[in-house]
């Protein structure tokens, strides 16, 4: 094991031991309206229903209850009629209730995307990016003015999808729990 890798391991162990569990999220956003992308032949995007999720194979980890209810939407990308990718959206009190008052606060007229998931058999074909861009356009049509995405700091695929959709990094927040007490540090910034 190299010195740098061992040093990172020791540092990570020390931080976890002294600061407890942690959360480190990056926050991206884009202003609306947003143009609809062109859909390839055989691809359709629409709101999802509970029946859509019931048709999935059992080894996929998708949490259907997140996609419905007040102040929540779910969109699905279908390839030749088969569900290939999902994107959830929350706003208002629903967003704050689900996050239990934690996380980035979003202003009125804004929404937060969550749980972008592509079924294993459809990964690597650009469907997540296509769905994200379509959802941004649809949310603009529904009257929202800004969309946020909160992404785990090292989830490179989600970061790449958001960047491809034109979302910009606008901040981050770190939460640590030393001795069982939650401390949150917000780091807002603006990139030119």
N, C-alpha and C. Protein backbone atom coordinates (compact mmCIF):
# COMPACT_ATOMS: atom_id res chain seq x y z
N UNK A 1 0.86 -1.19 0.00
CA UNK A 1 0.00 0.00 0.00
C UNK A 1 0.90 1.24 0.00
N UNK A 2 0.58 2.19 -0.88
CA UNK A 2 1.37 3.41 -0.98
C UNK A 2 1.14 4.34 0.20
N UNK A 3 2.13 5.21 0.43
CA UNK A 3 2.07 6.15 1.54
C UNK A 3 0.84 7.06 1.45
N UNK A 4 0.55 7.59 0.25
CA UNK A 4 -0.58 8.51 0.10
C UNK A 4 -1.90 7.81 0.42
N UNK A 5 -2.06 6.58 -0.07
CA UNK A 5 -3.30 5.84 0.18
C UNK A 5 -3.44 5.51 1.66
N UNK A 6 -2.34 5.12 2.30
CA UNK A 6 -2.38 4.82 3.72
C UNK A 6 -2.68 6.08 4.53
N UNK A 7 -2.10 7.22 4.13
CA UNK A 7 -2.36 8.48 4.83
C UNK A 7 -3.82 8.88 4.74
N UNK A 8 -4.43 8.72 3.55
CA UNK A 8 -5.85 9.03 3.39
C UNK A 8 -6.69 8.12 4.29
N UNK A 9 -6.32 6.85 4.37
CA UNK A 9 -7.05 5.92 5.22
C UNK A 9 -6.98 6.30 6.68
N UNK A 10 -5.80 6.68 7.13
CA UNK A 10 -5.62 7.10 8.52
C UNK A 10 -6.40 8.39 8.79
N UNK A 11 -6.33 9.34 7.86
CA UNK A 11 -7.06 10.59 8.02
C UNK A 11 -8.57 10.33 8.08
N UNK A 12 -9.06 9.49 7.18
CA UNK A 12 -10.49 9.16 7.17
C UNK A 12 -10.90 8.50 8.49
N UNK A 13 -10.09 7.57 8.99
CA UNK A 13 -10.39 6.91 10.26
C UNK A 13 -10.41 7.94 11.40
N UNK A 14 -9.42 8.85 11.44
CA UNK A 14 -9.34 9.86 12.49
C UNK A 14 -10.57 10.78 12.45
N UNK A 15 -10.91 11.26 11.25
CA UNK A 15 -12.06 12.15 11.14
C UNK A 15 -13.36 11.45 11.55
N UNK A 16 -13.52 10.21 11.11
CA UNK A 16 -14.74 9.48 11.47
C UNK A 16 -14.80 9.23 12.98
N UNK A 17 -13.66 8.90 13.56
CA UNK A 17 -13.62 8.64 15.01
C UNK A 17 -13.91 9.91 15.81
N UNK A 18 -13.33 11.03 15.39
CA UNK A 18 -13.49 12.26 16.16
C UNK A 18 -14.77 13.02 15.83
N UNK A 19 -15.24 12.94 14.59
CA UNK A 19 -16.41 13.72 14.19
C UNK A 19 -17.69 12.90 14.04
N UNK A 20 -17.60 11.59 14.15
CA UNK A 20 -18.78 10.75 14.02
C UNK A 20 -19.21 10.60 12.57
N UNK A 21 -20.44 10.16 12.38
CA UNK A 21 -20.97 10.03 11.02
C UNK A 21 -20.97 11.39 10.34
N UNK A 22 -20.83 11.38 9.04
CA UNK A 22 -20.80 12.64 8.32
C UNK A 22 -21.64 12.56 7.05
N UNK A 23 -22.01 13.71 6.55
CA UNK A 23 -22.67 13.88 5.27
C UNK A 23 -21.91 14.98 4.54
N UNK A 24 -21.63 14.77 3.27
CA UNK A 24 -20.97 15.80 2.46
C UNK A 24 -21.65 15.82 1.11
N UNK A 25 -22.42 16.87 0.87
CA UNK A 25 -23.22 16.99 -0.34
C UNK A 25 -22.81 18.22 -1.13
N UNK A 26 -22.85 18.09 -2.45
CA UNK A 26 -22.68 19.23 -3.35
C UNK A 26 -24.07 19.60 -3.87
N UNK A 27 -24.30 20.89 -4.06
CA UNK A 27 -25.60 21.38 -4.51
C UNK A 27 -25.44 22.05 -5.87
N UNK A 28 -26.24 21.59 -6.83
CA UNK A 28 -26.23 22.12 -8.19
C UNK A 28 -27.58 22.78 -8.45
N UNK A 29 -27.62 23.74 -9.38
CA UNK A 29 -28.90 24.34 -9.74
C UNK A 29 -28.87 24.82 -11.19
N UNK A 30 -30.06 25.07 -11.70
CA UNK A 30 -30.24 25.64 -13.03
C UNK A 30 -31.51 26.48 -13.00
N UNK A 31 -31.47 27.60 -13.71
CA UNK A 31 -32.65 28.46 -13.84
C UNK A 31 -33.55 27.93 -14.95
N UNK A 32 -34.84 28.13 -14.78
CA UNK A 32 -35.82 27.74 -15.79
C UNK A 32 -36.37 29.00 -16.43
N UNK A 33 -36.89 28.97 -17.65
CA UNK A 33 -37.26 27.79 -18.43
C UNK A 33 -36.05 27.11 -19.06
N UNK A 34 -36.31 25.92 -19.59
CA UNK A 34 -35.29 25.05 -20.14
C UNK A 34 -35.88 24.41 -21.39
N UNK A 35 -35.10 24.27 -22.47
CA UNK A 35 -35.67 23.71 -23.71
C UNK A 35 -35.86 22.19 -23.62
N UNK A 36 -36.93 21.71 -24.23
CA UNK A 36 -37.14 20.26 -24.30
C UNK A 36 -36.11 19.63 -25.23
N UNK A 37 -35.54 18.49 -24.82
CA UNK A 37 -34.61 17.79 -25.72
C UNK A 37 -35.39 16.98 -26.75
N UNK A 38 -34.75 16.69 -27.84
CA UNK A 38 -35.36 15.83 -28.85
C UNK A 38 -35.25 14.39 -28.37
N UNK A 39 -36.35 13.65 -28.46
CA UNK A 39 -36.36 12.26 -28.02
C UNK A 39 -36.11 11.33 -29.21
N UNK A 40 -35.22 10.35 -29.05
CA UNK A 40 -34.98 9.41 -30.14
C UNK A 40 -36.19 8.51 -30.37
N UNK A 41 -36.22 7.87 -31.51
CA UNK A 41 -37.30 6.93 -31.84
C UNK A 41 -37.38 5.85 -30.77
N UNK A 42 -38.59 5.52 -30.37
CA UNK A 42 -38.80 4.47 -29.37
C UNK A 42 -38.70 4.92 -27.93
N UNK A 43 -38.36 6.21 -27.71
CA UNK A 43 -38.22 6.73 -26.35
C UNK A 43 -39.38 7.68 -26.05
N UNK A 44 -40.01 7.48 -24.90
CA UNK A 44 -41.08 8.37 -24.43
C UNK A 44 -40.81 8.69 -22.97
N UNK A 45 -41.21 9.90 -22.55
CA UNK A 45 -41.05 10.31 -21.15
C UNK A 45 -42.40 10.82 -20.67
N UNK A 46 -42.80 10.36 -19.46
CA UNK A 46 -44.07 10.78 -18.89
C UNK A 46 -44.01 10.62 -17.38
N UNK A 47 -45.04 11.16 -16.70
CA UNK A 47 -45.14 10.91 -15.26
C UNK A 47 -45.31 9.41 -15.03
N UNK A 48 -44.71 8.92 -13.96
CA UNK A 48 -44.81 7.50 -13.64
C UNK A 48 -45.98 7.25 -12.68
N UNK A 49 -46.43 6.03 -12.69
CA UNK A 49 -47.51 5.60 -11.81
C UNK A 49 -47.01 4.45 -10.93
N UNK A 50 -47.74 4.12 -9.87
CA UNK A 50 -47.34 2.96 -9.06
C UNK A 50 -47.28 1.68 -9.89
N UNK A 51 -48.13 1.56 -10.89
CA UNK A 51 -48.13 0.37 -11.74
C UNK A 51 -46.85 0.27 -12.55
N UNK A 52 -46.30 1.42 -12.95
CA UNK A 52 -45.04 1.41 -13.69
C UNK A 52 -43.93 0.78 -12.86
N UNK A 53 -43.86 1.16 -11.59
CA UNK A 53 -42.80 0.63 -10.74
C UNK A 53 -43.03 -0.83 -10.37
N UNK A 54 -44.28 -1.25 -10.29
CA UNK A 54 -44.59 -2.65 -9.96
C UNK A 54 -44.08 -3.60 -11.04
N UNK A 55 -43.89 -3.10 -12.25
CA UNK A 55 -43.44 -3.94 -13.36
C UNK A 55 -41.92 -4.17 -13.36
N UNK A 56 -41.18 -3.51 -12.47
CA UNK A 56 -39.73 -3.65 -12.46
C UNK A 56 -39.29 -4.99 -11.89
N UNK A 57 -38.11 -5.42 -12.30
CA UNK A 57 -37.54 -6.64 -11.73
C UNK A 57 -37.18 -6.39 -10.28
N UNK A 58 -37.18 -7.46 -9.47
CA UNK A 58 -37.05 -7.31 -8.02
C UNK A 58 -35.65 -6.90 -7.56
N UNK A 59 -34.62 -7.02 -8.39
CA UNK A 59 -33.29 -6.68 -7.91
C UNK A 59 -32.96 -5.19 -8.02
N UNK A 60 -33.86 -4.41 -8.58
CA UNK A 60 -33.64 -2.97 -8.66
C UNK A 60 -34.07 -2.32 -7.36
N UNK A 61 -33.30 -1.33 -6.89
CA UNK A 61 -33.60 -0.65 -5.64
C UNK A 61 -34.24 0.70 -5.92
N UNK A 62 -35.52 0.70 -6.12
CA UNK A 62 -36.25 1.93 -6.40
C UNK A 62 -37.34 2.06 -5.34
N UNK A 63 -37.45 3.24 -4.77
CA UNK A 63 -38.37 3.47 -3.68
C UNK A 63 -39.56 4.25 -4.18
N UNK A 64 -40.59 3.55 -4.57
CA UNK A 64 -41.74 4.14 -5.24
C UNK A 64 -42.50 5.18 -4.45
N UNK A 65 -42.55 5.07 -3.15
CA UNK A 65 -43.33 6.03 -2.37
C UNK A 65 -42.79 7.44 -2.48
N UNK A 66 -41.54 7.59 -2.87
CA UNK A 66 -40.94 8.92 -3.03
C UNK A 66 -41.49 9.69 -4.22
N UNK A 67 -42.11 9.02 -5.16
CA UNK A 67 -42.47 9.64 -6.42
C UNK A 67 -43.90 10.18 -6.47
N UNK A 68 -44.70 10.00 -5.42
CA UNK A 68 -46.10 10.43 -5.46
C UNK A 68 -46.48 11.22 -4.23
N UNK A 69 -47.62 11.84 -4.32
CA UNK A 69 -48.16 12.58 -3.19
C UNK A 69 -48.13 14.07 -3.44
N UNK A 70 -48.56 14.81 -2.41
CA UNK A 70 -48.54 16.26 -2.51
C UNK A 70 -47.12 16.75 -2.66
N UNK A 71 -46.92 17.73 -3.53
CA UNK A 71 -45.64 18.37 -3.75
C UNK A 71 -44.54 17.37 -4.11
N UNK A 72 -44.91 16.37 -4.92
CA UNK A 72 -43.95 15.36 -5.39
C UNK A 72 -44.40 14.86 -6.76
N UNK A 73 -43.43 14.63 -7.62
CA UNK A 73 -43.68 14.08 -8.95
C UNK A 73 -42.63 13.02 -9.25
N UNK A 74 -42.97 12.11 -10.13
CA UNK A 74 -42.01 11.16 -10.64
C UNK A 74 -42.15 11.08 -12.15
N UNK A 75 -41.04 11.05 -12.85
CA UNK A 75 -41.04 10.96 -14.30
C UNK A 75 -40.27 9.71 -14.70
N UNK A 76 -40.75 9.05 -15.75
CA UNK A 76 -40.08 7.86 -16.25
C UNK A 76 -39.73 8.01 -17.71
N UNK A 77 -38.58 7.47 -18.07
CA UNK A 77 -38.18 7.37 -19.46
C UNK A 77 -38.42 5.93 -19.88
N UNK A 78 -39.19 5.74 -20.94
CA UNK A 78 -39.57 4.42 -21.41
C UNK A 78 -38.93 4.17 -22.77
N UNK A 79 -38.35 3.00 -22.94
CA UNK A 79 -37.76 2.60 -24.21
C UNK A 79 -38.63 1.46 -24.76
N UNK A 80 -39.25 1.73 -25.89
CA UNK A 80 -40.17 0.75 -26.49
C UNK A 80 -41.19 0.23 -25.46
N UNK A 81 -41.69 1.15 -24.65
CA UNK A 81 -42.73 0.82 -23.67
C UNK A 81 -42.22 0.28 -22.35
N UNK A 82 -40.93 0.04 -22.22
CA UNK A 82 -40.37 -0.51 -20.98
C UNK A 82 -39.67 0.58 -20.19
N UNK A 83 -39.97 0.66 -18.89
CA UNK A 83 -39.37 1.68 -18.03
C UNK A 83 -37.86 1.47 -17.95
N UNK A 84 -37.09 2.52 -18.29
CA UNK A 84 -35.64 2.43 -18.29
C UNK A 84 -34.99 3.34 -17.25
N UNK A 85 -35.62 4.48 -16.93
CA UNK A 85 -35.01 5.44 -16.01
C UNK A 85 -36.10 6.23 -15.29
N UNK A 86 -35.80 6.63 -14.05
CA UNK A 86 -36.74 7.38 -13.21
C UNK A 86 -36.08 8.62 -12.63
N UNK A 87 -36.88 9.67 -12.43
CA UNK A 87 -36.41 10.89 -11.76
C UNK A 87 -37.53 11.41 -10.88
N UNK A 88 -37.26 11.60 -9.59
CA UNK A 88 -38.23 12.17 -8.68
C UNK A 88 -38.00 13.64 -8.47
N UNK A 89 -39.04 14.34 -8.02
CA UNK A 89 -38.99 15.78 -7.76
C UNK A 89 -39.80 16.06 -6.50
N UNK A 90 -39.24 16.88 -5.60
CA UNK A 90 -39.94 17.34 -4.40
C UNK A 90 -39.86 18.85 -4.34
N UNK A 91 -40.81 19.45 -3.65
CA UNK A 91 -40.75 20.90 -3.38
C UNK A 91 -41.56 21.21 -2.14
N UNK A 92 -41.47 22.45 -1.69
CA UNK A 92 -42.28 22.95 -0.58
C UNK A 92 -42.13 22.15 0.70
N UNK A 93 -43.27 22.01 1.39
CA UNK A 93 -43.29 21.30 2.67
C UNK A 93 -42.90 19.83 2.53
N UNK A 94 -43.23 19.22 1.41
CA UNK A 94 -42.87 17.82 1.19
C UNK A 94 -41.35 17.65 1.24
N UNK A 95 -40.65 18.54 0.56
CA UNK A 95 -39.19 18.49 0.57
C UNK A 95 -38.65 18.62 1.98
N UNK A 96 -39.13 19.61 2.73
CA UNK A 96 -38.63 19.82 4.08
C UNK A 96 -39.01 18.66 5.01
N UNK A 97 -40.19 18.11 4.83
CA UNK A 97 -40.63 16.98 5.65
C UNK A 97 -39.75 15.76 5.38
N UNK A 98 -39.49 15.47 4.12
CA UNK A 98 -38.67 14.31 3.77
C UNK A 98 -37.24 14.48 4.28
N UNK A 99 -36.73 15.69 4.27
CA UNK A 99 -35.36 15.95 4.72
C UNK A 99 -35.32 16.25 6.21
N UNK A 100 -36.46 16.25 6.89
CA UNK A 100 -36.56 16.48 8.33
C UNK A 100 -35.86 17.78 8.75
N UNK A 101 -36.04 18.82 7.92
CA UNK A 101 -35.47 20.11 8.23
C UNK A 101 -33.99 20.23 7.95
N UNK A 102 -33.38 19.14 7.46
CA UNK A 102 -31.96 19.16 7.15
C UNK A 102 -31.79 19.45 5.67
N UNK A 103 -30.57 19.62 5.26
CA UNK A 103 -30.23 19.79 3.85
C UNK A 103 -30.36 21.23 3.41
N UNK A 104 -30.14 21.45 2.16
CA UNK A 104 -30.19 22.76 1.53
C UNK A 104 -31.63 23.24 1.51
N UNK A 105 -31.88 24.46 1.92
CA UNK A 105 -33.24 25.02 1.85
C UNK A 105 -33.47 25.55 0.45
N UNK A 106 -34.63 25.27 -0.10
CA UNK A 106 -34.95 25.76 -1.43
C UNK A 106 -36.02 26.85 -1.33
N UNK A 107 -35.90 27.89 -2.14
CA UNK A 107 -36.85 29.00 -2.06
C UNK A 107 -38.18 28.66 -2.74
N UNK A 108 -39.19 29.47 -2.49
CA UNK A 108 -40.47 29.31 -3.18
C UNK A 108 -40.24 29.37 -4.68
N UNK A 109 -40.99 28.58 -5.41
CA UNK A 109 -40.86 28.55 -6.86
C UNK A 109 -39.74 27.66 -7.35
N UNK A 110 -39.07 26.97 -6.43
CA UNK A 110 -37.98 26.07 -6.80
C UNK A 110 -38.34 24.63 -6.41
N UNK A 111 -37.67 23.68 -7.03
CA UNK A 111 -37.86 22.26 -6.75
C UNK A 111 -36.49 21.61 -6.61
N UNK A 112 -36.50 20.41 -6.05
CA UNK A 112 -35.28 19.62 -5.93
C UNK A 112 -35.52 18.27 -6.59
N UNK A 113 -34.62 17.89 -7.50
CA UNK A 113 -34.70 16.56 -8.08
C UNK A 113 -34.06 15.57 -7.12
N UNK A 114 -34.51 14.33 -7.16
CA UNK A 114 -33.94 13.29 -6.30
C UNK A 114 -34.10 11.93 -6.96
N UNK A 115 -33.33 10.98 -6.49
CA UNK A 115 -33.44 9.57 -6.89
C UNK A 115 -33.48 9.36 -8.39
N UNK A 116 -32.53 9.92 -9.11
CA UNK A 116 -32.39 9.62 -10.53
C UNK A 116 -31.80 8.22 -10.63
N UNK A 117 -32.53 7.32 -11.26
CA UNK A 117 -32.10 5.93 -11.31
C UNK A 117 -32.35 5.37 -12.71
N UNK A 118 -31.35 4.69 -13.25
CA UNK A 118 -31.50 4.00 -14.53
C UNK A 118 -31.37 2.51 -14.28
N UNK A 119 -32.30 1.75 -14.84
CA UNK A 119 -32.29 0.29 -14.71
C UNK A 119 -30.98 -0.25 -15.31
N UNK A 120 -30.39 -1.24 -14.65
CA UNK A 120 -29.07 -1.75 -15.02
C UNK A 120 -28.94 -2.04 -16.52
N UNK A 121 -29.91 -2.67 -17.11
CA UNK A 121 -29.83 -3.06 -18.53
C UNK A 121 -29.78 -1.86 -19.47
N UNK A 122 -30.14 -0.67 -18.99
CA UNK A 122 -30.19 0.52 -19.84
C UNK A 122 -29.08 1.53 -19.54
N UNK A 123 -28.19 1.21 -18.64
CA UNK A 123 -27.13 2.16 -18.28
C UNK A 123 -26.11 2.32 -19.41
N UNK A 124 -25.47 3.48 -19.43
CA UNK A 124 -24.43 3.74 -20.40
C UNK A 124 -24.94 4.18 -21.76
N UNK A 125 -26.21 4.50 -21.87
CA UNK A 125 -26.80 4.90 -23.15
C UNK A 125 -27.25 6.37 -23.17
N UNK A 126 -26.99 7.09 -22.08
CA UNK A 126 -27.35 8.51 -22.02
C UNK A 126 -28.78 8.77 -21.60
N UNK A 127 -29.50 7.75 -21.15
CA UNK A 127 -30.91 7.93 -20.78
C UNK A 127 -31.09 8.79 -19.54
N UNK A 128 -30.18 8.70 -18.57
CA UNK A 128 -30.30 9.54 -17.37
C UNK A 128 -30.18 11.01 -17.73
N UNK A 129 -29.22 11.35 -18.58
CA UNK A 129 -29.05 12.75 -19.01
C UNK A 129 -30.27 13.23 -19.80
N UNK A 130 -30.77 12.39 -20.68
CA UNK A 130 -31.94 12.75 -21.47
C UNK A 130 -33.15 12.98 -20.57
N UNK A 131 -33.37 12.09 -19.60
CA UNK A 131 -34.49 12.24 -18.67
C UNK A 131 -34.33 13.50 -17.83
N UNK A 132 -33.14 13.75 -17.32
CA UNK A 132 -32.90 14.94 -16.49
C UNK A 132 -33.25 16.21 -17.29
N UNK A 133 -32.78 16.29 -18.54
CA UNK A 133 -33.04 17.48 -19.35
C UNK A 133 -34.54 17.63 -19.64
N UNK A 134 -35.22 16.54 -19.90
CA UNK A 134 -36.66 16.60 -20.16
C UNK A 134 -37.41 17.07 -18.91
N UNK A 135 -37.04 16.53 -17.76
CA UNK A 135 -37.69 16.92 -16.50
C UNK A 135 -37.48 18.41 -16.24
N UNK A 136 -36.30 18.93 -16.50
CA UNK A 136 -36.06 20.37 -16.32
C UNK A 136 -37.00 21.18 -17.19
N UNK A 137 -37.17 20.78 -18.45
CA UNK A 137 -38.07 21.50 -19.35
C UNK A 137 -39.51 21.40 -18.86
N UNK A 138 -39.91 20.23 -18.43
CA UNK A 138 -41.29 20.02 -17.95
C UNK A 138 -41.57 20.85 -16.70
N UNK A 139 -40.61 20.93 -15.81
CA UNK A 139 -40.80 21.71 -14.58
C UNK A 139 -40.94 23.20 -14.90
N UNK A 140 -40.20 23.69 -15.89
CA UNK A 140 -40.36 25.07 -16.33
C UNK A 140 -41.75 25.31 -16.89
N UNK A 141 -42.27 24.35 -17.65
CA UNK A 141 -43.63 24.46 -18.19
C UNK A 141 -44.67 24.49 -17.08
N UNK A 142 -44.38 23.86 -15.97
CA UNK A 142 -45.32 23.80 -14.84
C UNK A 142 -45.19 25.00 -13.91
N UNK A 143 -44.34 25.96 -14.27
CA UNK A 143 -44.28 27.21 -13.52
C UNK A 143 -43.15 27.34 -12.53
N UNK A 144 -42.31 26.34 -12.38
CA UNK A 144 -41.16 26.46 -11.47
C UNK A 144 -40.10 27.33 -12.12
N UNK A 145 -39.30 28.00 -11.28
CA UNK A 145 -38.29 28.93 -11.79
C UNK A 145 -36.86 28.46 -11.61
N UNK A 146 -36.65 27.48 -10.74
CA UNK A 146 -35.29 27.01 -10.47
C UNK A 146 -35.36 25.56 -10.01
N UNK A 147 -34.33 24.78 -10.39
CA UNK A 147 -34.24 23.38 -9.97
C UNK A 147 -32.89 23.18 -9.28
N UNK A 148 -32.93 22.48 -8.15
CA UNK A 148 -31.74 22.11 -7.41
C UNK A 148 -31.56 20.60 -7.43
N UNK A 149 -30.32 20.18 -7.31
CA UNK A 149 -29.98 18.76 -7.13
C UNK A 149 -28.93 18.68 -6.04
N UNK A 150 -29.17 17.85 -5.06
CA UNK A 150 -28.22 17.63 -3.96
C UNK A 150 -27.56 16.28 -4.24
N UNK A 151 -26.23 16.29 -4.41
CA UNK A 151 -25.52 15.09 -4.86
C UNK A 151 -24.39 14.77 -3.90
N UNK A 152 -24.28 13.50 -3.53
CA UNK A 152 -23.18 13.05 -2.67
C UNK A 152 -21.87 13.45 -3.34
N UNK A 153 -20.94 13.99 -2.58
CA UNK A 153 -19.72 14.61 -3.10
C UNK A 153 -18.93 13.76 -4.08
N UNK A 154 -18.98 12.45 -3.97
CA UNK A 154 -18.16 11.60 -4.83
C UNK A 154 -18.97 10.78 -5.83
N UNK A 155 -20.24 11.10 -6.00
CA UNK A 155 -21.08 10.35 -6.95
C UNK A 155 -20.89 10.95 -8.34
N UNK A 156 -19.81 10.53 -8.99
CA UNK A 156 -19.39 11.15 -10.25
C UNK A 156 -20.43 11.02 -11.36
N UNK A 157 -21.16 9.91 -11.42
CA UNK A 157 -22.17 9.76 -12.48
C UNK A 157 -23.27 10.80 -12.34
N UNK A 158 -23.77 11.00 -11.14
CA UNK A 158 -24.83 12.00 -10.92
C UNK A 158 -24.32 13.41 -11.19
N UNK A 159 -23.09 13.69 -10.79
CA UNK A 159 -22.51 15.00 -11.05
C UNK A 159 -22.39 15.23 -12.55
N UNK A 160 -21.92 14.22 -13.27
CA UNK A 160 -21.77 14.33 -14.72
C UNK A 160 -23.11 14.58 -15.40
N UNK A 161 -24.15 13.86 -15.00
CA UNK A 161 -25.49 14.04 -15.59
C UNK A 161 -25.99 15.46 -15.34
N UNK A 162 -25.82 15.95 -14.13
CA UNK A 162 -26.29 17.31 -13.81
C UNK A 162 -25.52 18.36 -14.59
N UNK A 163 -24.23 18.19 -14.70
CA UNK A 163 -23.42 19.15 -15.47
C UNK A 163 -23.81 19.13 -16.95
N UNK A 164 -24.03 17.94 -17.49
CA UNK A 164 -24.44 17.85 -18.91
C UNK A 164 -25.77 18.55 -19.15
N UNK A 165 -26.60 18.60 -18.13
CA UNK A 165 -27.89 19.27 -18.25
C UNK A 165 -27.76 20.78 -18.04
N UNK A 166 -26.56 21.26 -17.78
CA UNK A 166 -26.35 22.70 -17.59
C UNK A 166 -26.46 23.16 -16.16
N UNK A 167 -26.58 22.24 -15.22
CA UNK A 167 -26.65 22.62 -13.82
C UNK A 167 -25.26 23.03 -13.35
N UNK A 168 -25.24 24.07 -12.50
CA UNK A 168 -23.97 24.60 -12.01
C UNK A 168 -23.85 24.39 -10.51
N UNK A 169 -22.64 24.15 -10.07
CA UNK A 169 -22.35 23.99 -8.65
C UNK A 169 -22.57 25.33 -7.95
N UNK A 170 -23.47 25.34 -6.95
CA UNK A 170 -23.78 26.59 -6.25
C UNK A 170 -23.46 26.53 -4.76
N UNK A 171 -23.05 25.37 -4.28
CA UNK A 171 -22.73 25.28 -2.87
C UNK A 171 -22.51 23.85 -2.44
N UNK A 172 -22.27 23.71 -1.16
CA UNK A 172 -22.08 22.40 -0.56
C UNK A 172 -22.46 22.50 0.90
N UNK A 173 -22.70 21.37 1.51
CA UNK A 173 -22.83 21.40 2.96
C UNK A 173 -22.29 20.11 3.54
N UNK A 174 -21.75 20.27 4.71
CA UNK A 174 -21.15 19.17 5.44
C UNK A 174 -21.85 19.09 6.78
N UNK A 175 -22.17 17.88 7.16
CA UNK A 175 -22.80 17.66 8.46
C UNK A 175 -21.97 16.61 9.20
N UNK A 176 -21.60 16.91 10.41
CA UNK A 176 -20.86 15.98 11.25
C UNK A 176 -21.63 15.76 12.55
N UNK A 177 -21.34 14.66 13.21
CA UNK A 177 -22.06 14.33 14.45
C UNK A 177 -21.09 13.93 15.55
N UNK A 178 -20.24 14.86 16.02
CA UNK A 178 -19.35 14.50 17.11
C UNK A 178 -20.14 14.25 18.39
N UNK A 179 -19.83 13.16 19.02
CA UNK A 179 -20.48 12.80 20.28
C UNK A 179 -21.99 12.77 20.16
N UNK A 180 -22.49 12.39 18.97
CA UNK A 180 -23.92 12.26 18.76
C UNK A 180 -24.67 13.57 18.53
N UNK A 181 -23.97 14.68 18.49
CA UNK A 181 -24.62 15.98 18.27
C UNK A 181 -24.41 16.40 16.82
N UNK A 182 -25.50 16.74 16.13
CA UNK A 182 -25.44 17.11 14.72
C UNK A 182 -25.03 18.57 14.58
N UNK A 183 -24.01 18.80 13.76
CA UNK A 183 -23.53 20.15 13.45
C UNK A 183 -23.51 20.26 11.92
N UNK A 184 -24.11 21.32 11.39
CA UNK A 184 -24.19 21.49 9.95
C UNK A 184 -23.42 22.74 9.54
N UNK A 185 -22.61 22.60 8.50
CA UNK A 185 -21.86 23.71 7.93
C UNK A 185 -22.26 23.87 6.48
N UNK A 186 -22.82 25.04 6.15
CA UNK A 186 -23.22 25.31 4.75
C UNK A 186 -22.14 26.16 4.10
N UNK A 187 -21.86 25.82 2.85
CA UNK A 187 -20.83 26.53 2.11
C UNK A 187 -21.45 27.03 0.80
N UNK A 188 -22.18 28.15 0.84
CA UNK A 188 -22.73 28.67 -0.42
C UNK A 188 -21.66 29.45 -1.19
N UNK A 189 -21.68 29.33 -2.47
CA UNK A 189 -20.79 30.11 -3.31
C UNK A 189 -21.39 30.20 -4.69
N UNK A 190 -20.83 31.05 -5.49
CA UNK A 190 -21.34 31.24 -6.84
C UNK A 190 -20.16 31.14 -7.82
N UNK A 191 -20.33 30.31 -8.84
CA UNK A 191 -19.33 30.19 -9.89
C UNK A 191 -19.71 31.09 -11.05
N UNK A 192 -18.75 31.73 -11.66
CA UNK A 192 -19.03 32.60 -12.81
C UNK A 192 -19.04 31.79 -14.09
